[in-house]
Amino acid sequence: MLWVGAILCVITYIIQPLGNQPNLYLGLVLVIVILLTGTITYMQSAKSEALMEGFKNMLPSASKVLRDGKITQVAA
């Protein structure tokens, strides 16, 4: 929806350029906010993914279990 708002602001400026500069500025600010938000979201997602990968590496690959009175090693 922010993209639509930014595009409409720029279109309004193109249709009536004289005295309509605030619409152009608003459109540019909206585009900057969208790009900044997307960048921050991507960086947080990448950090979260790396953290989850670290937890996955901490888990053992095999476990010892007691089955039918015998200790058996199975893949975790």
N, C-alpha and C. Protein backbone atom coordinates (compact mmCIF):
# COMPACT_ATOMS: atom_id res chain seq x y z
N MET A 1 0.82 -1.18 0.00
CA MET A 1 0.00 0.00 0.00
C MET A 1 0.88 1.26 0.00
N LEU A 2 2.03 1.15 0.63
CA LEU A 2 2.93 2.31 0.61
C LEU A 2 3.44 2.57 -0.80
N TRP A 3 3.69 1.48 -1.55
CA TRP A 3 4.12 1.67 -2.94
C TRP A 3 3.05 2.40 -3.74
N VAL A 4 1.80 2.01 -3.53
CA VAL A 4 0.71 2.66 -4.26
C VAL A 4 0.65 4.13 -3.90
N GLY A 5 0.78 4.44 -2.61
CA GLY A 5 0.77 5.84 -2.18
C GLY A 5 1.91 6.63 -2.79
N ALA A 6 3.10 6.04 -2.83
CA ALA A 6 4.26 6.73 -3.41
C ALA A 6 4.05 6.98 -4.90
N ILE A 7 3.53 5.97 -5.60
CA ILE A 7 3.29 6.12 -7.04
C ILE A 7 2.23 7.18 -7.31
N LEU A 8 1.17 7.18 -6.50
CA LEU A 8 0.12 8.19 -6.69
C LEU A 8 0.65 9.60 -6.42
N CYS A 9 1.53 9.75 -5.44
CA CYS A 9 2.12 11.07 -5.17
C CYS A 9 2.94 11.55 -6.36
N VAL A 10 3.73 10.66 -6.95
CA VAL A 10 4.55 11.04 -8.10
C VAL A 10 3.67 11.35 -9.31
N ILE A 11 2.63 10.54 -9.51
CA ILE A 11 1.71 10.79 -10.64
C ILE A 11 1.03 12.15 -10.48
N THR A 12 0.62 12.47 -9.25
CA THR A 12 -0.01 13.77 -8.99
C THR A 12 0.95 14.91 -9.32
N TYR A 13 2.22 14.73 -8.97
CA TYR A 13 3.21 15.76 -9.28
C TYR A 13 3.42 15.88 -10.80
N ILE A 14 3.42 14.76 -11.49
CA ILE A 14 3.62 14.79 -12.95
C ILE A 14 2.46 15.50 -13.64
N ILE A 15 1.25 15.26 -13.14
CA ILE A 15 0.07 15.89 -13.76
C ILE A 15 0.06 17.39 -13.53
N GLN A 16 0.37 17.83 -12.30
CA GLN A 16 0.39 19.26 -11.97
C GLN A 16 1.70 19.60 -11.26
N PRO A 17 2.77 19.85 -12.02
CA PRO A 17 4.07 20.09 -11.40
C PRO A 17 4.18 21.41 -10.65
N LEU A 18 3.44 22.43 -11.08
CA LEU A 18 3.57 23.73 -10.44
C LEU A 18 2.81 23.78 -9.12
N GLY A 19 3.51 24.10 -8.04
CA GLY A 19 2.90 24.22 -6.73
C GLY A 19 2.53 22.90 -6.07
N ASN A 20 3.00 21.81 -6.63
CA ASN A 20 2.63 20.50 -6.11
C ASN A 20 3.88 19.74 -5.66
N GLN A 21 4.91 20.46 -5.26
CA GLN A 21 6.16 19.81 -4.85
C GLN A 21 6.04 18.97 -3.58
N PRO A 22 5.18 19.32 -2.63
CA PRO A 22 5.05 18.45 -1.44
C PRO A 22 4.67 17.02 -1.79
N ASN A 23 3.88 16.83 -2.84
CA ASN A 23 3.53 15.47 -3.25
C ASN A 23 4.75 14.70 -3.74
N LEU A 24 5.63 15.38 -4.47
CA LEU A 24 6.85 14.73 -4.93
C LEU A 24 7.72 14.35 -3.75
N TYR A 25 7.87 15.28 -2.79
CA TYR A 25 8.67 14.99 -1.60
C TYR A 25 8.08 13.83 -0.80
N LEU A 26 6.77 13.82 -0.66
CA LEU A 26 6.11 12.74 0.06
C LEU A 26 6.34 11.40 -0.63
N GLY A 27 6.24 11.40 -1.96
CA GLY A 27 6.49 10.17 -2.72
C GLY A 27 7.90 9.67 -2.52
N LEU A 28 8.87 10.57 -2.55
CA LEU A 28 10.27 10.17 -2.35
C LEU A 28 10.51 9.67 -0.93
N VAL A 29 9.91 10.33 0.04
CA VAL A 29 10.06 9.88 1.43
C VAL A 29 9.44 8.50 1.61
N LEU A 30 8.30 8.26 1.00
CA LEU A 30 7.68 6.94 1.09
C LEU A 30 8.56 5.86 0.48
N VAL A 31 9.18 6.14 -0.65
CA VAL A 31 10.07 5.16 -1.28
C VAL A 31 11.28 4.88 -0.37
N ILE A 32 11.84 5.92 0.23
CA ILE A 32 12.98 5.74 1.13
C ILE A 32 12.57 4.90 2.33
N VAL A 33 11.40 5.17 2.90
CA VAL A 33 10.92 4.40 4.06
C VAL A 33 10.70 2.94 3.68
N ILE A 34 10.14 2.70 2.51
CA ILE A 34 9.91 1.32 2.06
C ILE A 34 11.22 0.59 1.91
N LEU A 35 12.20 1.21 1.26
CA LEU A 35 13.50 0.55 1.06
C LEU A 35 14.23 0.34 2.37
N LEU A 36 14.17 1.30 3.27
CA LEU A 36 14.83 1.17 4.56
C LEU A 36 14.19 0.06 5.39
N THR A 37 12.88 0.00 5.40
CA THR A 37 12.18 -1.05 6.13
C THR A 37 12.50 -2.43 5.56
N GLY A 38 12.54 -2.53 4.25
CA GLY A 38 12.88 -3.81 3.61
C GLY A 38 14.29 -4.25 3.94
N THR A 39 15.23 -3.32 3.96
CA THR A 39 16.62 -3.64 4.28
C THR A 39 16.75 -4.12 5.72
N ILE A 40 16.12 -3.42 6.65
CA ILE A 40 16.19 -3.80 8.06
C ILE A 40 15.54 -5.17 8.27
N THR A 41 14.41 -5.41 7.64
CA THR A 41 13.73 -6.70 7.77
C THR A 41 14.60 -7.82 7.23
N TYR A 42 15.26 -7.59 6.10
CA TYR A 42 16.15 -8.61 5.52
C TYR A 42 17.31 -8.92 6.46
N MET A 43 17.91 -7.88 7.04
CA MET A 43 19.05 -8.08 7.94
C MET A 43 18.62 -8.86 9.19
N GLN A 44 17.46 -8.54 9.76
CA GLN A 44 16.97 -9.26 10.93
C GLN A 44 16.67 -10.72 10.59
N SER A 45 16.12 -10.96 9.43
CA SER A 45 15.81 -12.32 9.01
C SER A 45 17.09 -13.13 8.82
N ALA A 46 18.11 -12.51 8.24
CA ALA A 46 19.38 -13.21 8.05
C ALA A 46 20.02 -13.55 9.39
N LYS A 47 19.97 -12.64 10.35
CA LYS A 47 20.52 -12.92 11.69
C LYS A 47 19.76 -14.05 12.37
N SER A 48 18.45 -14.02 12.25
CA SER A 48 17.62 -15.06 12.86
C SER A 48 17.92 -16.42 12.25
N GLU A 49 18.08 -16.46 10.94
CA GLU A 49 18.39 -17.71 10.26
C GLU A 49 19.75 -18.25 10.69
N ALA A 50 20.73 -17.38 10.84
CA ALA A 50 22.06 -17.80 11.28
C ALA A 50 22.01 -18.34 12.71
N LEU A 51 21.21 -17.72 13.55
CA LEU A 51 21.07 -18.18 14.94
C LEU A 51 20.43 -19.57 14.97
N MET A 52 19.40 -19.78 14.18
CA MET A 52 18.74 -21.09 14.14
C MET A 52 19.69 -22.16 13.59
N GLU A 53 20.52 -21.81 12.64
CA GLU A 53 21.51 -22.75 12.11
C GLU A 53 22.52 -23.12 13.18
N GLY A 54 22.90 -22.15 14.02
CA GLY A 54 23.81 -22.42 15.13
C GLY A 54 23.20 -23.38 16.13
N PHE A 55 21.90 -23.23 16.42
CA PHE A 55 21.23 -24.17 17.32
C PHE A 55 21.19 -25.57 16.72
N LYS A 56 20.99 -25.66 15.41
CA LYS A 56 20.94 -26.94 14.74
C LYS A 56 22.27 -27.67 14.85
N ASN A 57 23.37 -26.91 14.78
CA ASN A 57 24.70 -27.52 14.88
C ASN A 57 25.01 -27.99 16.30
N MET A 58 24.31 -27.48 17.29
CA MET A 58 24.55 -27.87 18.68
C MET A 58 23.89 -29.21 19.02
N LEU A 59 22.91 -29.63 18.26
CA LEU A 59 22.20 -30.87 18.55
C LEU A 59 23.06 -32.08 18.18
N PRO A 60 22.99 -33.14 18.98
CA PRO A 60 23.76 -34.34 18.65
C PRO A 60 23.17 -35.04 17.43
N SER A 61 24.02 -35.75 16.71
CA SER A 61 23.54 -36.44 15.51
C SER A 61 23.00 -37.83 15.83
N ALA A 62 23.31 -38.35 17.03
CA ALA A 62 22.83 -39.67 17.44
C ALA A 62 22.44 -39.63 18.91
N SER A 63 21.52 -40.52 19.28
CA SER A 63 21.06 -40.62 20.66
C SER A 63 21.09 -42.06 21.11
N LYS A 64 21.32 -42.27 22.40
CA LYS A 64 21.25 -43.62 22.97
C LYS A 64 19.88 -43.78 23.61
N VAL A 65 19.21 -44.89 23.25
CA VAL A 65 17.87 -45.13 23.76
C VAL A 65 17.80 -46.55 24.34
N LEU A 66 16.87 -46.75 25.23
CA LEU A 66 16.65 -48.06 25.84
C LEU A 66 15.44 -48.69 25.18
N ARG A 67 15.66 -49.78 24.44
CA ARG A 67 14.57 -50.49 23.75
C ARG A 67 14.70 -51.98 24.04
N ASP A 68 13.62 -52.53 24.46
CA ASP A 68 13.58 -53.96 24.79
C ASP A 68 14.69 -54.34 25.77
N GLY A 69 14.96 -53.44 26.71
CA GLY A 69 15.97 -53.73 27.72
C GLY A 69 17.38 -53.57 27.25
N LYS A 70 17.60 -53.15 26.02
CA LYS A 70 18.96 -52.98 25.47
C LYS A 70 19.16 -51.50 25.10
N ILE A 71 20.38 -51.02 25.31
CA ILE A 71 20.72 -49.66 24.91
C ILE A 71 21.14 -49.69 23.45
N THR A 72 20.45 -48.89 22.64
CA THR A 72 20.68 -48.83 21.21
C THR A 72 20.97 -47.38 20.81
N GLN A 73 21.83 -47.22 19.82
CA GLN A 73 22.12 -45.88 19.32
C GLN A 73 21.33 -45.66 18.03
N VAL A 74 20.55 -44.55 17.99
CA VAL A 74 19.74 -44.23 16.82
C VAL A 74 20.08 -42.82 16.35
N ALA A 75 19.82 -42.58 15.09
CA ALA A 75 20.03 -41.23 14.55
C ALA A 75 19.01 -40.27 15.15
N ALA A 76 19.48 -39.10 15.48
CA ALA A 76 18.59 -38.13 16.14
C ALA A 76 17.76 -37.38 15.19
